[in-house]
ModelCIF file with pLDDT and N, C-alpha, C, O atoms, coordinates in Angstrom:
data_MODEL
#
_entry.id   MODEL 
#
_entity.id                         1 
_entity.type                       polymer 
_entity.pdbx_number_of_molecules   1 
#
_entity_poly.entity_id                      1 
_entity_poly.type                           'polypeptide(L)' 
_entity_poly.nstd_linkage                   no 
_entity_poly.nstd_monomer                   no 
_entity_poly.pdbx_seq_one_letter_code       ADVPGTGLVAWFVAAHFIAYTAVFLAVTLSADWPRPLLR 
_entity_poly.pdbx_seq_one_letter_code_can   ADVPGTGLVAWFVAAHFIAYTAVFLAVTLSADWPRPLLR 
_entity_poly.pdbx_strand_id                 A 
#
loop_
_entity_poly_seq.entity_id 
_entity_poly_seq.num 
_entity_poly_seq.mon_id 
_entity_poly_seq.hetero 
1 1  ALA n 
1 2  ASP n 
1 3  VAL n 
1 4  PRO n 
1 5  GLY n 
1 6  THR n 
1 7  GLY n 
1 8  LEU n 
1 9  VAL n 
1 10 ALA n 
1 11 TRP n 
1 12 PHE n 
1 13 VAL n 
1 14 ALA n 
1 15 ALA n 
1 16 HIS n 
1 17 PHE n 
1 18 ILE n 
1 19 ALA n 
1 20 TYR n 
1 21 THR n 
1 22 ALA n 
1 23 VAL n 
1 24 PHE n 
1 25 LEU n 
1 26 ALA n 
1 27 VAL n 
1 28 THR n 
1 29 LEU n 
1 30 SER n 
1 31 ALA n 
1 32 ASP n 
1 33 TRP n 
1 34 PRO n 
1 35 ARG n 
1 36 PRO n 
1 37 LEU n 
1 38 LEU n 
1 39 ARG n 
#
_struct_asym.id          A 
_struct_asym.entity_id   1 
#
loop_
_ma_qa_metric.id 
_ma_qa_metric.mode 
_ma_qa_metric.name 
_ma_qa_metric.software_group_id 
_ma_qa_metric.type 
1 global pLDDT . pLDDT 
2 local  pLDDT . pLDDT 
#
_ma_qa_metric_global.metric_id      1 
_ma_qa_metric_global.metric_value   87.77 
_ma_qa_metric_global.model_id       1 
_ma_qa_metric_global.ordinal_id     1 
#
loop_
_ma_qa_metric_local.label_asym_id 
_ma_qa_metric_local.label_comp_id 
_ma_qa_metric_local.label_seq_id 
_ma_qa_metric_local.metric_id 
_ma_qa_metric_local.metric_value 
_ma_qa_metric_local.model_id 
_ma_qa_metric_local.ordinal_id 
A ALA 1  2 82.00 1 1  
A ASP 2  2 73.00 1 2  
A VAL 3  2 71.00 1 3  
A PRO 4  2 71.00 1 4  
A GLY 5  2 71.00 1 5  
A THR 6  2 80.00 1 6  
A GLY 7  2 85.00 1 7  
A LEU 8  2 88.00 1 8  
A VAL 9  2 90.00 1 9  
A ALA 10 2 93.00 1 10 
A TRP 11 2 95.00 1 11 
A PHE 12 2 95.00 1 12 
A VAL 13 2 95.00 1 13 
A ALA 14 2 96.00 1 14 
A ALA 15 2 96.00 1 15 
A HIS 16 2 93.00 1 16 
A PHE 17 2 96.00 1 17 
A ILE 18 2 97.00 1 18 
A ALA 19 2 96.00 1 19 
A TYR 20 2 95.00 1 20 
A THR 21 2 95.00 1 21 
A ALA 22 2 96.00 1 22 
A VAL 23 2 94.00 1 23 
A PHE 24 2 91.00 1 24 
A LEU 25 2 92.00 1 25 
A ALA 26 2 92.00 1 26 
A VAL 27 2 90.00 1 27 
A THR 28 2 89.00 1 28 
A LEU 29 2 90.00 1 29 
A SER 30 2 90.00 1 30 
A ALA 31 2 86.00 1 31 
A ASP 32 2 87.00 1 32 
A TRP 33 2 83.00 1 33 
A PRO 34 2 85.00 1 34 
A ARG 35 2 82.00 1 35 
A PRO 36 2 79.00 1 36 
A LEU 37 2 82.00 1 37 
A LEU 38 2 82.00 1 38 
A ARG 39 2 80.00 1 39 
#
loop_
_atom_site.group_PDB 
_atom_site.id 
_atom_site.type_symbol 
_atom_site.label_atom_id 
_atom_site.label_alt_id 
_atom_site.label_comp_id 
_atom_site.label_asym_id 
_atom_site.label_entity_id 
_atom_site.label_seq_id 
_atom_site.pdbx_PDB_ins_code 
_atom_site.Cartn_x 
_atom_site.Cartn_y 
_atom_site.Cartn_z 
_atom_site.occupancy 
_atom_site.B_iso_or_equiv 
_atom_site.pdbx_formal_charge 
_atom_site.auth_seq_id 
_atom_site.auth_comp_id 
_atom_site.auth_asym_id 
_atom_site.auth_atom_id 
_atom_site.pdbx_PDB_model_num 
ATOM 1   N N  . ALA A 1 1  ? 102.983 19.231 181.504 1.00 82.00 ? 1  ALA A N  1 
ATOM 2   C CA . ALA A 1 1  ? 101.874 18.418 180.998 1.00 82.00 ? 1  ALA A CA 1 
ATOM 3   C C  . ALA A 1 1  ? 102.388 17.176 180.289 1.00 82.00 ? 1  ALA A C  1 
ATOM 4   O O  . ALA A 1 1  ? 103.420 17.202 179.618 1.00 82.00 ? 1  ALA A O  1 
ATOM 5   N N  . ASP A 1 2  ? 101.666 16.122 180.449 1.00 73.00 ? 2  ASP A N  1 
ATOM 6   C CA . ASP A 1 2  ? 101.977 14.899 179.720 1.00 73.00 ? 2  ASP A CA 1 
ATOM 7   C C  . ASP A 1 2  ? 100.682 14.402 179.080 1.00 73.00 ? 2  ASP A C  1 
ATOM 8   O O  . ASP A 1 2  ? 100.193 13.308 179.361 1.00 73.00 ? 2  ASP A O  1 
ATOM 9   N N  . VAL A 1 3  ? 100.156 15.254 178.211 1.00 71.00 ? 3  VAL A N  1 
ATOM 10  C CA . VAL A 1 3  ? 98.877  14.942 177.566 1.00 71.00 ? 3  VAL A CA 1 
ATOM 11  C C  . VAL A 1 3  ? 99.063  14.959 176.056 1.00 71.00 ? 3  VAL A C  1 
ATOM 12  O O  . VAL A 1 3  ? 99.937  15.660 175.545 1.00 71.00 ? 3  VAL A O  1 
ATOM 13  N N  . PRO A 1 4  ? 98.247  14.194 175.341 1.00 71.00 ? 4  PRO A N  1 
ATOM 14  C CA . PRO A 1 4  ? 98.332  14.196 173.884 1.00 71.00 ? 4  PRO A CA 1 
ATOM 15  C C  . PRO A 1 4  ? 97.985  15.581 173.322 1.00 71.00 ? 4  PRO A C  1 
ATOM 16  O O  . PRO A 1 4  ? 97.194  16.321 173.908 1.00 71.00 ? 4  PRO A O  1 
ATOM 17  N N  . GLY A 1 5  ? 98.584  15.911 172.192 1.00 71.00 ? 5  GLY A N  1 
ATOM 18  C CA . GLY A 1 5  ? 98.289  17.175 171.526 1.00 71.00 ? 5  GLY A CA 1 
ATOM 19  C C  . GLY A 1 5  ? 99.231  18.300 171.867 1.00 71.00 ? 5  GLY A C  1 
ATOM 20  O O  . GLY A 1 5  ? 99.142  19.380 171.284 1.00 71.00 ? 5  GLY A O  1 
ATOM 21  N N  . THR A 1 6  ? 100.137 18.068 172.806 1.00 80.00 ? 6  THR A N  1 
ATOM 22  C CA . THR A 1 6  ? 101.063 19.144 173.169 1.00 80.00 ? 6  THR A CA 1 
ATOM 23  C C  . THR A 1 6  ? 102.065 19.424 172.055 1.00 80.00 ? 6  THR A C  1 
ATOM 24  O O  . THR A 1 6  ? 102.609 20.524 171.963 1.00 80.00 ? 6  THR A O  1 
ATOM 25  N N  . GLY A 1 7  ? 102.307 18.426 171.213 1.00 85.00 ? 7  GLY A N  1 
ATOM 26  C CA . GLY A 1 7  ? 103.269 18.604 170.128 1.00 85.00 ? 7  GLY A CA 1 
ATOM 27  C C  . GLY A 1 7  ? 102.861 19.682 169.146 1.00 85.00 ? 7  GLY A C  1 
ATOM 28  O O  . GLY A 1 7  ? 103.707 20.438 168.669 1.00 85.00 ? 7  GLY A O  1 
ATOM 29  N N  . LEU A 1 8  ? 101.589 19.762 168.841 1.00 88.00 ? 8  LEU A N  1 
ATOM 30  C CA . LEU A 1 8  ? 101.109 20.773 167.903 1.00 88.00 ? 8  LEU A CA 1 
ATOM 31  C C  . LEU A 1 8  ? 101.318 22.179 168.458 1.00 88.00 ? 8  LEU A C  1 
ATOM 32  O O  . LEU A 1 8  ? 101.753 23.075 167.736 1.00 88.00 ? 8  LEU A O  1 
ATOM 33  N N  . VAL A 1 9  ? 101.011 22.370 169.725 1.00 90.00 ? 9  VAL A N  1 
ATOM 34  C CA . VAL A 1 9  ? 101.225 23.672 170.359 1.00 90.00 ? 9  VAL A CA 1 
ATOM 35  C C  . VAL A 1 9  ? 102.713 24.000 170.369 1.00 90.00 ? 9  VAL A C  1 
ATOM 36  O O  . VAL A 1 9  ? 103.103 25.131 170.079 1.00 90.00 ? 9  VAL A O  1 
ATOM 37  N N  . ALA A 1 10 ? 103.535 23.025 170.698 1.00 93.00 ? 10 ALA A N  1 
ATOM 38  C CA . ALA A 1 10 ? 104.985 23.252 170.736 1.00 93.00 ? 10 ALA A CA 1 
ATOM 39  C C  . ALA A 1 10 ? 105.521 23.608 169.357 1.00 93.00 ? 10 ALA A C  1 
ATOM 40  O O  . ALA A 1 10 ? 106.343 24.515 169.228 1.00 93.00 ? 10 ALA A O  1 
ATOM 41  N N  . TRP A 1 11 ? 105.068 22.908 168.332 1.00 95.00 ? 11 TRP A N  1 
ATOM 42  C CA . TRP A 1 11 ? 105.536 23.232 166.976 1.00 95.00 ? 11 TRP A CA 1 
ATOM 43  C C  . TRP A 1 11 ? 105.083 24.627 166.552 1.00 95.00 ? 11 TRP A C  1 
ATOM 44  O O  . TRP A 1 11 ? 105.804 25.324 165.838 1.00 95.00 ? 11 TRP A O  1 
ATOM 45  N N  . PHE A 1 12 ? 103.896 25.035 166.988 1.00 95.00 ? 12 PHE A N  1 
ATOM 46  C CA . PHE A 1 12 ? 103.421 26.384 166.696 1.00 95.00 ? 12 PHE A CA 1 
ATOM 47  C C  . PHE A 1 12 ? 104.330 27.424 167.353 1.00 95.00 ? 12 PHE A C  1 
ATOM 48  O O  . PHE A 1 12 ? 104.728 28.398 166.715 1.00 95.00 ? 12 PHE A O  1 
ATOM 49  N N  . VAL A 1 13 ? 104.653 27.213 168.620 1.00 95.00 ? 13 VAL A N  1 
ATOM 50  C CA . VAL A 1 13 ? 105.541 28.153 169.326 1.00 95.00 ? 13 VAL A CA 1 
ATOM 51  C C  . VAL A 1 13 ? 106.913 28.169 168.656 1.00 95.00 ? 13 VAL A C  1 
ATOM 52  O O  . VAL A 1 13 ? 107.479 29.238 168.432 1.00 95.00 ? 13 VAL A O  1 
ATOM 53  N N  . ALA A 1 14 ? 107.446 27.001 168.338 1.00 96.00 ? 14 ALA A N  1 
ATOM 54  C CA . ALA A 1 14 ? 108.749 26.943 167.658 1.00 96.00 ? 14 ALA A CA 1 
ATOM 55  C C  . ALA A 1 14 ? 108.694 27.671 166.323 1.00 96.00 ? 14 ALA A C  1 
ATOM 56  O O  . ALA A 1 14 ? 109.609 28.420 165.982 1.00 96.00 ? 14 ALA A O  1 
ATOM 57  N N  . ALA A 1 15 ? 107.625 27.455 165.567 1.00 96.00 ? 15 ALA A N  1 
ATOM 58  C CA . ALA A 1 15 ? 107.507 28.091 164.241 1.00 96.00 ? 15 ALA A CA 1 
ATOM 59  C C  . ALA A 1 15 ? 107.457 29.602 164.339 1.00 96.00 ? 15 ALA A C  1 
ATOM 60  O O  . ALA A 1 15 ? 108.069 30.291 163.524 1.00 96.00 ? 15 ALA A O  1 
ATOM 61  N N  . HIS A 1 16 ? 106.748 30.125 165.310 1.00 93.00 ? 16 HIS A N  1 
ATOM 62  C CA . HIS A 1 16 ? 106.708 31.582 165.348 1.00 93.00 ? 16 HIS A CA 1 
ATOM 63  C C  . HIS A 1 16 ? 107.987 32.188 165.898 1.00 93.00 ? 16 HIS A C  1 
ATOM 64  O O  . HIS A 1 16 ? 108.301 33.330 165.563 1.00 93.00 ? 16 HIS A O  1 
ATOM 65  N N  . PHE A 1 17 ? 108.740 31.474 166.727 1.00 96.00 ? 17 PHE A N  1 
ATOM 66  C CA . PHE A 1 17 ? 110.053 31.971 167.130 1.00 96.00 ? 17 PHE A CA 1 
ATOM 67  C C  . PHE A 1 17 ? 111.043 31.878 165.963 1.00 96.00 ? 17 PHE A C  1 
ATOM 68  O O  . PHE A 1 17 ? 111.926 32.726 165.830 1.00 96.00 ? 17 PHE A O  1 
ATOM 69  N N  . ILE A 1 18 ? 110.898 30.855 165.123 1.00 97.00 ? 18 ILE A N  1 
ATOM 70  C CA . ILE A 1 18 ? 111.713 30.787 163.900 1.00 97.00 ? 18 ILE A CA 1 
ATOM 71  C C  . ILE A 1 18 ? 111.362 31.952 162.986 1.00 97.00 ? 18 ILE A C  1 
ATOM 72  O O  . ILE A 1 18 ? 112.249 32.563 162.391 1.00 97.00 ? 18 ILE A O  1 
ATOM 73  N N  . ALA A 1 19 ? 110.072 32.263 162.870 1.00 96.00 ? 19 ALA A N  1 
ATOM 74  C CA . ALA A 1 19 ? 109.649 33.385 162.030 1.00 96.00 ? 19 ALA A CA 1 
ATOM 75  C C  . ALA A 1 19 ? 110.186 34.710 162.580 1.00 96.00 ? 19 ALA A C  1 
ATOM 76  O O  . ALA A 1 19 ? 110.676 35.539 161.813 1.00 96.00 ? 19 ALA A O  1 
ATOM 77  N N  . TYR A 1 20 ? 110.101 34.915 163.889 1.00 95.00 ? 20 TYR A N  1 
ATOM 78  C CA . TYR A 1 20 ? 110.672 36.130 164.492 1.00 95.00 ? 20 TYR A CA 1 
ATOM 79  C C  . TYR A 1 20 ? 112.169 36.228 164.186 1.00 95.00 ? 20 TYR A C  1 
ATOM 80  O O  . TYR A 1 20 ? 112.667 37.291 163.814 1.00 95.00 ? 20 TYR A O  1 
ATOM 81  N N  . THR A 1 21 ? 112.876 35.114 164.345 1.00 95.00 ? 21 THR A N  1 
ATOM 82  C CA . THR A 1 21 ? 114.314 35.096 164.059 1.00 95.00 ? 21 THR A CA 1 
ATOM 83  C C  . THR A 1 21 ? 114.578 35.463 162.609 1.00 95.00 ? 21 THR A C  1 
ATOM 84  O O  . THR A 1 21 ? 115.455 36.277 162.322 1.00 95.00 ? 21 THR A O  1 
ATOM 85  N N  . ALA A 1 22 ? 113.829 34.871 161.700 1.00 96.00 ? 22 ALA A N  1 
ATOM 86  C CA . ALA A 1 22 ? 114.016 35.133 160.269 1.00 96.00 ? 22 ALA A CA 1 
ATOM 87  C C  . ALA A 1 22 ? 113.761 36.598 159.931 1.00 96.00 ? 22 ALA A C  1 
ATOM 88  O O  . ALA A 1 22 ? 114.487 37.184 159.129 1.00 96.00 ? 22 ALA A O  1 
ATOM 89  N N  . VAL A 1 23 ? 112.743 37.186 160.532 1.00 94.00 ? 23 VAL A N  1 
ATOM 90  C CA . VAL A 1 23 ? 112.448 38.599 160.264 1.00 94.00 ? 23 VAL A CA 1 
ATOM 91  C C  . VAL A 1 23 ? 113.610 39.484 160.717 1.00 94.00 ? 23 VAL A C  1 
ATOM 92  O O  . VAL A 1 23 ? 114.049 40.357 159.968 1.00 94.00 ? 23 VAL A O  1 
ATOM 93  N N  . PHE A 1 24 ? 114.102 39.269 161.917 1.00 91.00 ? 24 PHE A N  1 
ATOM 94  C CA . PHE A 1 24 ? 115.211 40.091 162.397 1.00 91.00 ? 24 PHE A CA 1 
ATOM 95  C C  . PHE A 1 24 ? 116.465 39.891 161.548 1.00 91.00 ? 24 PHE A C  1 
ATOM 96  O O  . PHE A 1 24 ? 117.173 40.854 161.257 1.00 91.00 ? 24 PHE A O  1 
ATOM 97  N N  . LEU A 1 25 ? 116.744 38.653 161.149 1.00 92.00 ? 25 LEU A N  1 
ATOM 98  C CA . LEU A 1 25 ? 117.902 38.409 160.293 1.00 92.00 ? 25 LEU A CA 1 
ATOM 99  C C  . LEU A 1 25 ? 117.728 39.057 158.921 1.00 92.00 ? 25 LEU A C  1 
ATOM 100 O O  . LEU A 1 25 ? 118.670 39.655 158.402 1.00 92.00 ? 25 LEU A O  1 
ATOM 101 N N  . ALA A 1 26 ? 116.554 38.948 158.333 1.00 92.00 ? 26 ALA A N  1 
ATOM 102 C CA . ALA A 1 26 ? 116.312 39.536 157.014 1.00 92.00 ? 26 ALA A CA 1 
ATOM 103 C C  . ALA A 1 26 ? 116.442 41.053 157.063 1.00 92.00 ? 26 ALA A C  1 
ATOM 104 O O  . ALA A 1 26 ? 117.060 41.653 156.183 1.00 92.00 ? 26 ALA A O  1 
ATOM 105 N N  . VAL A 1 27 ? 115.868 41.671 158.079 1.00 90.00 ? 27 VAL A N  1 
ATOM 106 C CA . VAL A 1 27 ? 115.928 43.127 158.180 1.00 90.00 ? 27 VAL A CA 1 
ATOM 107 C C  . VAL A 1 27 ? 117.357 43.604 158.421 1.00 90.00 ? 27 VAL A C  1 
ATOM 108 O O  . VAL A 1 27 ? 117.815 44.546 157.775 1.00 90.00 ? 27 VAL A O  1 
ATOM 109 N N  . THR A 1 28 ? 118.052 42.966 159.336 1.00 89.00 ? 28 THR A N  1 
ATOM 110 C CA . THR A 1 28 ? 119.408 43.422 159.647 1.00 89.00 ? 28 THR A CA 1 
ATOM 111 C C  . THR A 1 28 ? 120.379 43.148 158.502 1.00 89.00 ? 28 THR A C  1 
ATOM 112 O O  . THR A 1 28 ? 121.289 43.942 158.261 1.00 89.00 ? 28 THR A O  1 
ATOM 113 N N  . LEU A 1 29 ? 120.197 42.033 157.795 1.00 90.00 ? 29 LEU A N  1 
ATOM 114 C CA . LEU A 1 29 ? 121.110 41.730 156.688 1.00 90.00 ? 29 LEU A CA 1 
ATOM 115 C C  . LEU A 1 29 ? 120.796 42.544 155.434 1.00 90.00 ? 29 LEU A C  1 
ATOM 116 O O  . LEU A 1 29 ? 121.651 42.676 154.557 1.00 90.00 ? 29 LEU A O  1 
ATOM 117 N N  . SER A 1 30 ? 119.590 43.088 155.336 1.00 90.00 ? 30 SER A N  1 
ATOM 118 C CA . SER A 1 30 ? 119.250 43.910 154.175 1.00 90.00 ? 30 SER A CA 1 
ATOM 119 C C  . SER A 1 30 ? 119.738 45.346 154.325 1.00 90.00 ? 30 SER A C  1 
ATOM 120 O O  . SER A 1 30 ? 119.774 46.086 153.342 1.00 90.00 ? 30 SER A O  1 
ATOM 121 N N  . ALA A 1 31 ? 120.110 45.749 155.518 1.00 86.00 ? 31 ALA A N  1 
ATOM 122 C CA . ALA A 1 31 ? 120.625 47.101 155.748 1.00 86.00 ? 31 ALA A CA 1 
ATOM 123 C C  . ALA A 1 31 ? 122.122 47.136 155.471 1.00 86.00 ? 31 ALA A C  1 
ATOM 124 O O  . ALA A 1 31 ? 122.814 46.127 155.609 1.00 86.00 ? 31 ALA A O  1 
ATOM 125 N N  . ASP A 1 32 ? 122.597 48.269 155.091 1.00 87.00 ? 32 ASP A N  1 
ATOM 126 C CA . ASP A 1 32 ? 124.025 48.445 154.805 1.00 87.00 ? 32 ASP A CA 1 
ATOM 127 C C  . ASP A 1 32 ? 124.731 48.944 156.064 1.00 87.00 ? 32 ASP A C  1 
ATOM 128 O O  . ASP A 1 32 ? 125.106 50.112 156.168 1.00 87.00 ? 32 ASP A O  1 
ATOM 129 N N  . TRP A 1 33 ? 124.902 48.025 157.018 1.00 83.00 ? 33 TRP A N  1 
ATOM 130 C CA . TRP A 1 33 ? 125.506 48.340 158.300 1.00 83.00 ? 33 TRP A CA 1 
ATOM 131 C C  . TRP A 1 33 ? 126.784 47.543 158.468 1.00 83.00 ? 33 TRP A C  1 
ATOM 132 O O  . TRP A 1 33 ? 126.889 46.428 157.959 1.00 83.00 ? 33 TRP A O  1 
ATOM 133 N N  . PRO A 1 34 ? 127.765 48.102 159.178 1.00 85.00 ? 34 PRO A N  1 
ATOM 134 C CA . PRO A 1 34 ? 128.914 47.272 159.558 1.00 85.00 ? 34 PRO A CA 1 
ATOM 135 C C  . PRO A 1 34 ? 128.485 46.291 160.650 1.00 85.00 ? 34 PRO A C  1 
ATOM 136 O O  . PRO A 1 34 ? 127.652 46.619 161.496 1.00 85.00 ? 34 PRO A O  1 
ATOM 137 N N  . ARG A 1 35 ? 129.050 45.107 160.626 1.00 82.00 ? 35 ARG A N  1 
ATOM 138 C CA . ARG A 1 35 ? 128.723 44.053 161.602 1.00 82.00 ? 35 ARG A CA 1 
ATOM 139 C C  . ARG A 1 35 ? 127.211 43.908 161.763 1.00 82.00 ? 35 ARG A C  1 
ATOM 140 O O  . ARG A 1 35 ? 126.687 44.080 162.864 1.00 82.00 ? 35 ARG A O  1 
ATOM 141 N N  . PRO A 1 36 ? 126.507 43.594 160.674 1.00 79.00 ? 36 PRO A N  1 
ATOM 142 C CA . PRO A 1 36 ? 125.035 43.623 160.708 1.00 79.00 ? 36 PRO A CA 1 
ATOM 143 C C  . PRO A 1 36 ? 124.397 42.647 161.692 1.00 79.00 ? 36 PRO A C  1 
ATOM 144 O O  . PRO A 1 36 ? 123.320 42.928 162.216 1.00 79.00 ? 36 PRO A O  1 
ATOM 145 N N  . LEU A 1 37 ? 125.027 41.524 161.951 1.00 82.00 ? 37 LEU A N  1 
ATOM 146 C CA . LEU A 1 37 ? 124.402 40.540 162.845 1.00 82.00 ? 37 LEU A CA 1 
ATOM 147 C C  . LEU A 1 37 ? 124.329 41.030 164.284 1.00 82.00 ? 37 LEU A C  1 
ATOM 148 O O  . LEU A 1 37 ? 123.585 40.473 165.092 1.00 82.00 ? 37 LEU A O  1 
ATOM 149 N N  . LEU A 1 38 ? 125.086 42.059 164.609 1.00 82.00 ? 38 LEU A N  1 
ATOM 150 C CA . LEU A 1 38 ? 125.060 42.595 165.968 1.00 82.00 ? 38 LEU A CA 1 
ATOM 151 C C  . LEU A 1 38 ? 124.244 43.878 166.064 1.00 82.00 ? 38 LEU A C  1 
ATOM 152 O O  . LEU A 1 38 ? 124.049 44.394 167.165 1.00 82.00 ? 38 LEU A O  1 
ATOM 153 N N  . ARG A 1 39 ? 123.765 44.404 164.946 1.00 80.00 ? 39 ARG A N  1 
ATOM 154 C CA . ARG A 1 39 ? 122.986 45.643 164.968 1.00 80.00 ? 39 ARG A CA 1 
ATOM 155 C C  . ARG A 1 39 ? 121.579 45.411 165.496 1.00 80.00 ? 39 ARG A C  1 
ATOM 156 O O  . ARG A 1 39 ? 120.789 46.352 165.582 1.00 80.00 ? 39 ARG A O  1 
#
């Protein structure tokens, strides 16, 4: 698409993927696991 308003939708998608990433990082780093970033 090359229509106005696509930026808002794209930023929404980016924001929720950032939120998903943050949740997984927060949960894995809060656990007492060896090599937590790979758990």
